[in-house]
């Protein structure tokens, strides 16, 4: 599709679809990424015309970054953990509030090889989406990507986040 793209073909194809469909609807997006470390933003910027869609991205890998950059309450992280739907929703809400975007998607997870627990094993990734002006219940989900590969977990999380950005 794009010979000079940095990302794998499946990510490039989906990122193209995200840019195209959001551009057609005049919608801007913002990302709050943790375990993906900016991969979703990078996938979008691989696509010509992405500047019409990607408003900004936050890479908030540490808990401190989530608190300072996105306004995630510290007690929320202490109570539920950084890898929780509650934290991902607060990340997405904070990203939307600190941008001019129409939709925010947040990702936080455990890519491994360490860091997992019995309740949240390696491969656990949470996602949340917040739409500007929407007052509905938080839209979030916890997924488990079954892989021993840090890269594969991050690839699958990137694909899932891109899907959430489709109008």
Protein backbone atom coordinates (compact mmCIF):
# COMPACT_ATOMS: atom_id res chain seq x y z
CA UNK A 1 0.00 0.00 0.00
CA UNK A 2 2.65 2.53 1.08
CA UNK A 3 6.10 1.30 0.18
CA UNK A 4 7.83 3.63 2.62
CA UNK A 5 5.55 2.89 5.61
CA UNK A 6 7.30 1.86 8.80
CA UNK A 7 4.44 -0.27 10.12
CA UNK A 8 3.35 -3.80 9.12
CA UNK A 9 0.84 -3.99 6.23
CA UNK A 10 -2.17 -4.88 8.44
CA UNK A 11 -1.61 -1.81 10.61
CA UNK A 12 -1.00 0.43 7.58
CA UNK A 13 -4.22 -0.76 5.92
CA UNK A 14 -6.30 -0.11 9.02
CA UNK A 15 -4.60 3.25 9.70
CA UNK A 16 -5.41 4.27 6.10
CA UNK A 17 -9.06 3.38 6.70
CA UNK A 18 -9.07 5.41 9.95
CA UNK A 19 -7.56 8.48 8.26
CA UNK A 20 -9.83 8.23 5.23
CA UNK A 21 -13.09 7.73 7.14
CA UNK A 22 -12.37 10.35 9.79
CA UNK A 23 -11.28 12.87 7.15
CA UNK A 24 -14.51 12.27 5.24
CA UNK A 25 -16.55 12.94 8.38
CA UNK A 26 -14.42 15.93 9.40
CA UNK A 27 -13.52 14.27 12.67
CA UNK A 28 -10.28 14.84 14.61
CA UNK A 29 -8.78 12.23 16.92
CA UNK A 30 -6.49 12.32 19.96
CA UNK A 31 -4.64 9.39 21.50
CA UNK A 32 -3.48 8.64 25.02
CA UNK A 33 -1.03 5.76 24.77
CA UNK A 34 0.84 3.84 27.42
CA UNK A 35 1.92 0.30 26.50
CA UNK A 36 1.84 1.08 22.77
CA UNK A 37 4.33 3.92 23.32
CA UNK A 38 3.05 6.01 20.42
CA UNK A 39 2.60 3.20 17.89
CA UNK A 40 -0.99 4.16 17.14
CA UNK A 41 0.00 7.78 16.50
CA UNK A 42 2.94 6.60 14.40
CA UNK A 43 0.67 4.34 12.36
CA UNK A 44 -1.63 7.25 11.59
CA UNK A 45 1.25 9.55 10.63
CA UNK A 46 2.46 6.92 8.15
CA UNK A 47 -0.61 7.82 6.09
CA UNK A 48 -0.60 10.85 3.77
CA UNK A 49 -3.33 13.25 4.86
CA UNK A 50 -3.18 12.24 8.51
CA UNK A 51 -2.70 15.86 9.55
CA UNK A 52 -6.38 16.40 8.74
CA UNK A 53 -7.31 13.77 11.34
CA UNK A 54 -4.68 13.38 14.08
CA UNK A 55 -5.02 16.35 16.42
CA UNK A 56 -2.38 15.15 18.89
CA UNK A 57 -1.12 12.18 20.85
CA UNK A 58 0.02 11.69 24.42
CA UNK A 59 2.49 8.99 25.39
CA UNK A 60 1.95 8.62 29.11
CA UNK A 61 3.95 5.54 29.98
CA UNK A 62 4.44 6.22 33.69
CA UNK A 63 1.74 6.74 36.28
CA UNK A 64 3.20 10.20 36.92
CA UNK A 65 2.75 11.09 33.24
CA UNK A 66 -0.87 9.91 33.33
CA UNK A 67 -1.49 12.12 36.39
CA UNK A 68 0.47 15.18 35.20
CA UNK A 69 -0.33 15.19 31.48
CA UNK A 70 -3.87 13.82 31.43
CA UNK A 71 -5.19 14.65 34.89
CA UNK A 72 -5.81 11.02 35.88
CA UNK A 73 -6.53 11.09 39.62
CA UNK A 74 -3.77 9.44 41.65
CA UNK A 75 -6.32 7.73 43.91
CA UNK A 76 -7.91 6.14 40.83
CA UNK A 77 -4.57 4.58 39.87
CA UNK A 78 -3.94 3.50 43.48
CA UNK A 79 -7.40 1.93 43.73
CA UNK A 80 -7.80 0.27 40.33
CA UNK A 81 -4.29 0.30 38.84
CA UNK A 82 -2.98 1.85 35.64
CA UNK A 83 -4.19 -1.20 33.72
CA UNK A 84 -7.89 -0.77 34.39
CA UNK A 85 -10.87 0.41 32.40
CA UNK A 86 -11.28 3.22 34.94
CA UNK A 87 -7.74 4.47 34.29
CA UNK A 88 -8.04 4.14 30.51
CA UNK A 89 -11.33 6.03 30.57
CA UNK A 90 -9.75 8.82 32.68
CA UNK A 91 -6.83 8.92 30.22
CA UNK A 92 -9.17 9.26 27.24
CA UNK A 93 -11.27 11.88 29.02
CA UNK A 94 -8.14 13.86 29.94
CA UNK A 95 -6.77 13.66 26.39
CA UNK A 96 -10.07 14.92 24.98
CA UNK A 97 -10.19 17.79 27.49
CA UNK A 98 -6.62 18.83 26.62
CA UNK A 99 -7.22 18.80 22.86
CA UNK A 100 -9.58 20.05 20.20
CA UNK A 101 -10.33 16.53 18.98
CA UNK A 102 -13.76 14.97 18.57
CA UNK A 103 -12.82 11.50 19.81
CA UNK A 104 -10.17 10.17 22.18
CA UNK A 105 -8.87 6.64 22.50
CA UNK A 106 -6.66 5.50 25.37
CA UNK A 107 -4.58 2.34 25.73
CA UNK A 108 -2.86 0.95 28.83
CA UNK A 109 -1.57 -2.55 29.35
CA UNK A 110 1.08 -5.08 30.26
CA UNK A 111 3.19 -6.00 27.25
CA UNK A 112 5.68 -8.08 29.23
CA UNK A 113 7.72 -10.06 29.56
CA UNK A 114 7.43 -9.03 33.24
CA UNK A 115 4.91 -6.98 35.15
CA UNK A 116 1.97 -9.35 35.00
CA UNK A 117 0.02 -10.66 37.98
CA UNK A 118 -2.49 -13.45 38.45
CA UNK A 119 -5.37 -10.98 38.04
CA UNK A 120 -3.71 -9.02 35.24
CA UNK A 121 -1.33 -11.31 33.34
CA UNK A 122 1.04 -10.22 30.61
CA UNK A 123 -1.08 -9.47 27.55
CA UNK A 124 -3.79 -7.64 29.50
CA UNK A 125 -4.62 -4.38 27.71
CA UNK A 126 -7.41 -1.93 28.42
CA UNK A 127 -8.96 0.49 25.95
CA UNK A 128 -11.35 3.39 26.32
CA UNK A 129 -13.03 5.77 23.90
CA UNK A 130 -14.61 9.11 24.72
CA UNK A 131 -16.56 11.22 22.22
CA UNK A 132 -16.82 14.99 22.69
CA UNK A 133 -20.26 16.02 23.89
CA UNK A 134 -21.31 12.47 24.76
CA UNK A 135 -22.65 11.93 28.26
CA UNK A 136 -23.15 8.17 28.05
CA UNK A 137 -21.49 5.66 30.33
CA UNK A 138 -17.73 5.19 29.85
CA UNK A 139 -16.90 3.12 26.79
CA UNK A 140 -14.06 0.79 27.73
CA UNK A 141 -12.95 -2.80 27.59
CA UNK A 142 -10.26 -5.09 28.92
CA UNK A 143 -8.72 -7.54 26.46
CA UNK A 144 -6.16 -10.29 26.82
CA UNK A 145 -3.77 -10.90 23.96
CA UNK A 146 -2.32 -14.38 24.29
CA UNK A 147 1.30 -14.09 23.27
CA UNK A 148 4.75 -14.34 24.82
CA UNK A 149 5.95 -11.64 22.46
CA UNK A 150 6.02 -8.04 23.67
CA UNK A 151 5.96 -6.86 20.06
CA UNK A 152 2.96 -9.02 19.18
CA UNK A 153 0.97 -7.76 22.18
CA UNK A 154 1.74 -4.17 21.19
CA UNK A 155 0.82 -4.92 17.54
CA UNK A 156 -2.54 -6.37 18.54
CA UNK A 157 -3.20 -3.46 20.91
CA UNK A 158 -2.42 -1.01 18.10
CA UNK A 159 -4.89 -2.74 15.78
CA UNK A 160 -7.58 -2.71 18.45
CA UNK A 161 -7.04 1.01 19.14
CA UNK A 162 -7.22 1.80 15.43
CA UNK A 163 -10.56 -0.05 15.21
CA UNK A 164 -11.88 2.15 18.03
CA UNK A 165 -10.99 5.24 15.99
CA UNK A 166 -13.25 4.30 13.10
CA UNK A 167 -16.41 6.48 12.93
